[in-house]
Amino acid sequence: MLVSDFFARKPIIGMAHVLALPGSPLYDATGGLSAVREALRRDVVALQEGGVDAILFCNENDRPYQLKVGPETVAVMAALVGEFAPGLAIPYGVDVLWDPVAALAVAKATGASFVREIFTGV
């Protein structure tokens, strides 16, 4: 699907909410990345089987949100998105709250089709 075709209609973009990641106060060290990965897998399968037009991967549970995330967030988000991307039959995007540079970096590293973030002063 061409990007122009995708945005020519009103697509439904489903959000794959990544559980809190290492470095975040809400990170579950007991469950670790295995728990993060399994929860994300359930979301991705449900969204794709549910018929959404695209999936947006987001670290929504890394609260409080940071204006600049640490390298651990970028690394884990890239690893997770990169792991799930080959199995997607639909476009996907990335949102790293509230860090637009991190969102662009993860998107570029994983071949994402779009990003969502707050871009100001550009």
C-alpha atoms as a PDB file:
ATOM      1  CA  MET A   1       0.000   0.000   0.000  1.00  0.00           C
ATOM      2  CA  LEU A   2       1.300   3.427  -0.900  1.00  0.00           C
ATOM      3  CA  VAL A   3       1.407   6.029   1.855  1.00  0.00           C
ATOM      4  CA  SER A   4      -0.666   8.362  -0.340  1.00  0.00           C
ATOM      5  CA  ASP A   5      -3.370   5.670  -0.611  1.00  0.00           C
ATOM      6  CA  PHE A   6      -3.309   5.155   3.149  1.00  0.00           C
ATOM      7  CA  PHE A   7      -3.908   8.807   3.972  1.00  0.00           C
ATOM      8  CA  ALA A   8      -6.410   9.371   1.138  1.00  0.00           C
ATOM      9  CA  ARG A   9      -9.095   7.689   3.239  1.00  0.00           C
ATOM     10  CA  LYS A  10      -9.829   7.688   6.977  1.00  0.00           C
ATOM     11  CA  PRO A  11      -7.618   4.910   8.338  1.00  0.00           C
ATOM     12  CA  ILE A  12      -8.071   3.362  11.755  1.00  0.00           C
ATOM     13  CA  ILE A  13      -4.763   3.281  13.587  1.00  0.00           C
ATOM     14  CA  GLY A  14      -4.720   0.943  16.579  1.00  0.00           C
ATOM     15  CA  MET A  15      -2.417   1.690  19.495  1.00  0.00           C
ATOM     16  CA  ALA A  16      -0.124  -1.040  20.785  1.00  0.00           C
ATOM     17  CA  HIS A  17       0.589   0.227  24.301  1.00  0.00           C
ATOM     18  CA  VAL A  18       4.004  -0.974  25.413  1.00  0.00           C
ATOM     19  CA  LEU A  19       4.153  -1.718  29.137  1.00  0.00           C
ATOM     20  CA  ALA A  20       6.519   0.408  31.228  1.00  0.00           C
ATOM     21  CA  LEU A  21      10.102  -0.045  30.067  1.00  0.00           C
ATOM     22  CA  PRO A  22      13.383  -0.293  31.995  1.00  0.00           C
ATOM     23  CA  GLY A  23      14.281   3.094  33.435  1.00  0.00           C
ATOM     24  CA  SER A  24      10.637   4.003  34.035  1.00  0.00           C
ATOM     25  CA  PRO A  25       9.303   4.156  37.614  1.00  0.00           C
ATOM     26  CA  LEU A  26       6.441   1.797  36.659  1.00  0.00           C
ATOM     27  CA  TYR A  27       8.703  -0.872  35.119  1.00  0.00           C
ATOM     28  CA  ASP A  28       7.952  -4.352  36.469  1.00  0.00           C
ATOM     29  CA  ALA A  29      11.428  -5.776  37.031  1.00  0.00           C
ATOM     30  CA  THR A  30       9.938  -9.070  38.208  1.00  0.00           C
ATOM     31  CA  GLY A  31       8.096  -9.668  34.940  1.00  0.00           C
ATOM     32  CA  GLY A  32      10.930  -8.082  33.000  1.00  0.00           C
ATOM     33  CA  LEU A  33      11.041  -7.687  29.259  1.00  0.00           C
ATOM     34  CA  SER A  34       9.355 -11.071  28.816  1.00  0.00           C
ATOM     35  CA  ALA A  35       6.157  -9.643  30.306  1.00  0.00           C
ATOM     36  CA  VAL A  36       6.471  -6.502  28.174  1.00  0.00           C
ATOM     37  CA  ARG A  37       6.990  -8.599  25.041  1.00  0.00           C
ATOM     38  CA  GLU A  38       4.062 -10.955  25.761  1.00  0.00           C
ATOM     39  CA  ALA A  39       1.607  -8.120  26.491  1.00  0.00           C
ATOM     40  CA  LEU A  40       2.701  -6.370  23.313  1.00  0.00           C
ATOM     41  CA  ARG A  41       2.286  -9.584  21.323  1.00  0.00           C
ATOM     42  CA  ARG A  42      -1.318  -9.907  22.533  1.00  0.00           C
ATOM     43  CA  ASP A  43      -2.055  -6.290  21.528  1.00  0.00           C
ATOM     44  CA  VAL A  44      -0.478  -6.641  18.095  1.00  0.00           C
ATOM     45  CA  VAL A  45      -2.336  -9.878  17.322  1.00  0.00           C
ATOM     46  CA  ALA A  46      -5.666  -8.459  18.526  1.00  0.00           C
ATOM     47  CA  LEU A  47      -5.241  -5.240  16.554  1.00  0.00           C
ATOM     48  CA  GLN A  48      -4.220  -6.960  13.349  1.00  0.00           C
ATOM     49  CA  GLU A  49      -6.957  -9.609  13.616  1.00  0.00           C
ATOM     50  CA  GLY A  50      -9.432  -6.857  14.506  1.00  0.00           C
ATOM     51  CA  GLY A  51      -8.883  -5.224  11.137  1.00  0.00           C
ATOM     52  CA  VAL A  52      -7.140  -1.946  11.930  1.00  0.00           C
ATOM     53  CA  ASP A  53      -5.400  -0.232   9.020  1.00  0.00           C
ATOM     54  CA  ALA A  54      -2.142   0.400  10.894  1.00  0.00           C
ATOM     55  CA  ILE A  55      -0.545  -0.076  14.297  1.00  0.00           C
ATOM     56  CA  LEU A  56       1.149   2.610  16.376  1.00  0.00           C
ATOM     57  CA  PHE A  57       3.681   1.376  18.942  1.00  0.00           C
ATOM     58  CA  CYS A  58       3.788   3.708  21.954  1.00  0.00           C
ATOM     59  CA  ASN A  59       5.479   3.704  25.359  1.00  0.00           C
ATOM     60  CA  GLU A  60       2.290   5.061  26.933  1.00  0.00           C
ATOM     61  CA  ASN A  61       3.052   3.421  30.291  1.00  0.00           C
ATOM     62  CA  ASP A  62       6.390   5.166  30.833  1.00  0.00           C
ATOM     63  CA  ARG A  63       5.028   7.736  33.260  1.00  0.00           C
ATOM     64  CA  PRO A  64       5.700  10.403  34.122  1.00  0.00           C
ATOM     65  CA  TYR A  65       6.394  11.308  30.496  1.00  0.00           C
ATOM     66  CA  GLN A  66       9.835  12.695  29.719  1.00  0.00           C
ATOM     67  CA  LEU A  67      10.704  15.419  27.220  1.00  0.00           C
ATOM     68  CA  LYS A  68      13.893  13.481  26.501  1.00  0.00           C
ATOM     69  CA  VAL A  69      13.973   9.746  27.125  1.00  0.00           C
ATOM     70  CA  GLY A  70      17.066   7.780  28.025  1.00  0.00           C
ATOM     71  CA  PRO A  71      19.000   5.535  25.661  1.00  0.00           C
ATOM     72  CA  GLU A  72      17.488   2.464  27.329  1.00  0.00           C
ATOM     73  CA  THR A  73      14.017   3.526  26.152  1.00  0.00           C
ATOM     74  CA  VAL A  74      15.184   4.065  22.579  1.00  0.00           C
ATOM     75  CA  ALA A  75      17.059   0.746  22.562  1.00  0.00           C
ATOM     76  CA  VAL A  76      14.189  -1.325  23.965  1.00  0.00           C
ATOM     77  CA  MET A  77      11.540   0.348  21.808  1.00  0.00           C
ATOM     78  CA  ALA A  78      13.663  -0.275  18.701  1.00  0.00           C
ATOM     79  CA  ALA A  79      14.243  -3.886  19.708  1.00  0.00           C
ATOM     80  CA  LEU A  80      10.532  -4.514  20.351  1.00  0.00           C
ATOM     81  CA  VAL A  81       9.251  -2.799  17.220  1.00  0.00           C
ATOM     82  CA  GLY A  82      11.985  -4.488  15.191  1.00  0.00           C
ATOM     83  CA  GLU A  83      10.923  -7.860  16.581  1.00  0.00           C
ATOM     84  CA  PHE A  84       7.240  -7.425  15.691  1.00  0.00           C
ATOM     85  CA  ALA A  85       7.596  -5.541  12.390  1.00  0.00           C
ATOM     86  CA  PRO A  86       8.364  -8.562  10.164  1.00  0.00           C
ATOM     87  CA  GLY A  87       5.086 -10.213  11.202  1.00  0.00           C
ATOM     88  CA  LEU A  88       2.914  -7.210  10.372  1.00  0.00           C
ATOM     89  CA  ALA A  89       0.778  -7.197   7.253  1.00  0.00           C
ATOM     90  CA  ILE A  90      -0.152  -3.543   7.760  1.00  0.00           C
ATOM     91  CA  PRO A  91       1.809  -0.273   8.114  1.00  0.00           C
ATOM     92  CA  TYR A  92       3.115   0.670  11.544  1.00  0.00           C
ATOM     93  CA  GLY A  93       4.344   3.762  13.280  1.00  0.00           C
ATOM     94  CA  VAL A  94       6.169   4.803  16.438  1.00  0.00           C
ATOM     95  CA  ASP A  95       5.485   7.235  19.267  1.00  0.00           C
ATOM     96  CA  VAL A  96       8.051   7.723  22.038  1.00  0.00           C
ATOM     97  CA  LEU A  97       6.386  10.034  24.529  1.00  0.00           C
ATOM     98  CA  TRP A  98       7.279  13.062  24.530  1.00  0.00           C
ATOM     99  CA  ASP A  99      10.535  12.840  22.695  1.00  0.00           C
ATOM    100  CA  PRO A 100      10.217  13.511  18.949  1.00  0.00           C
ATOM    101  CA  VAL A 101      13.903  12.827  18.270  1.00  0.00           C
ATOM    102  CA  ALA A 102      13.612   9.405  19.922  1.00  0.00           C
ATOM    103  CA  ALA A 103      10.422   8.670  17.978  1.00  0.00           C
ATOM    104  CA  LEU A 104      12.158   9.497  14.700  1.00  0.00           C
ATOM    105  CA  ALA A 105      15.207   7.420  15.662  1.00  0.00           C
ATOM    106  CA  VAL A 106      13.141   4.328  16.495  1.00  0.00           C
ATOM    107  CA  ALA A 107      11.029   4.779  13.361  1.00  0.00           C
ATOM    108  CA  LYS A 108      14.111   5.069  11.156  1.00  0.00           C
ATOM    109  CA  ALA A 109      15.806   2.075  12.790  1.00  0.00           C
ATOM    110  CA  THR A 110      12.741  -0.137  12.371  1.00  0.00           C
ATOM    111  CA  GLY A 111      11.430   0.981   8.976  1.00  0.00           C
ATOM    112  CA  ALA A 112       8.223   2.484  10.375  1.00  0.00           C
ATOM    113  CA  SER A 113       5.916   4.323   7.984  1.00  0.00           C
ATOM    114  CA  PHE A 114       5.038   7.192  10.304  1.00  0.00           C
ATOM    115  CA  VAL A 115       5.557   8.755  13.729  1.00  0.00           C
ATOM    116  CA  ARG A 116       3.269  10.502  16.152  1.00  0.00           C
ATOM    117  CA  GLU A 117       4.687  13.071  18.507  1.00  0.00           C
ATOM    118  CA  ILE A 118       4.720  16.738  19.364  1.00  0.00           C
ATOM    119  CA  PHE A 119       6.993  18.567  16.925  1.00  0.00           C
ATOM    120  CA  THR A 120       7.483  22.261  17.614  1.00  0.00           C
ATOM    121  CA  GLY A 121       9.889  24.856  16.285  1.00  0.00           C
ATOM    122  CA  VAL A 122      10.701  22.907  13.141  1.00  0.00           C
END
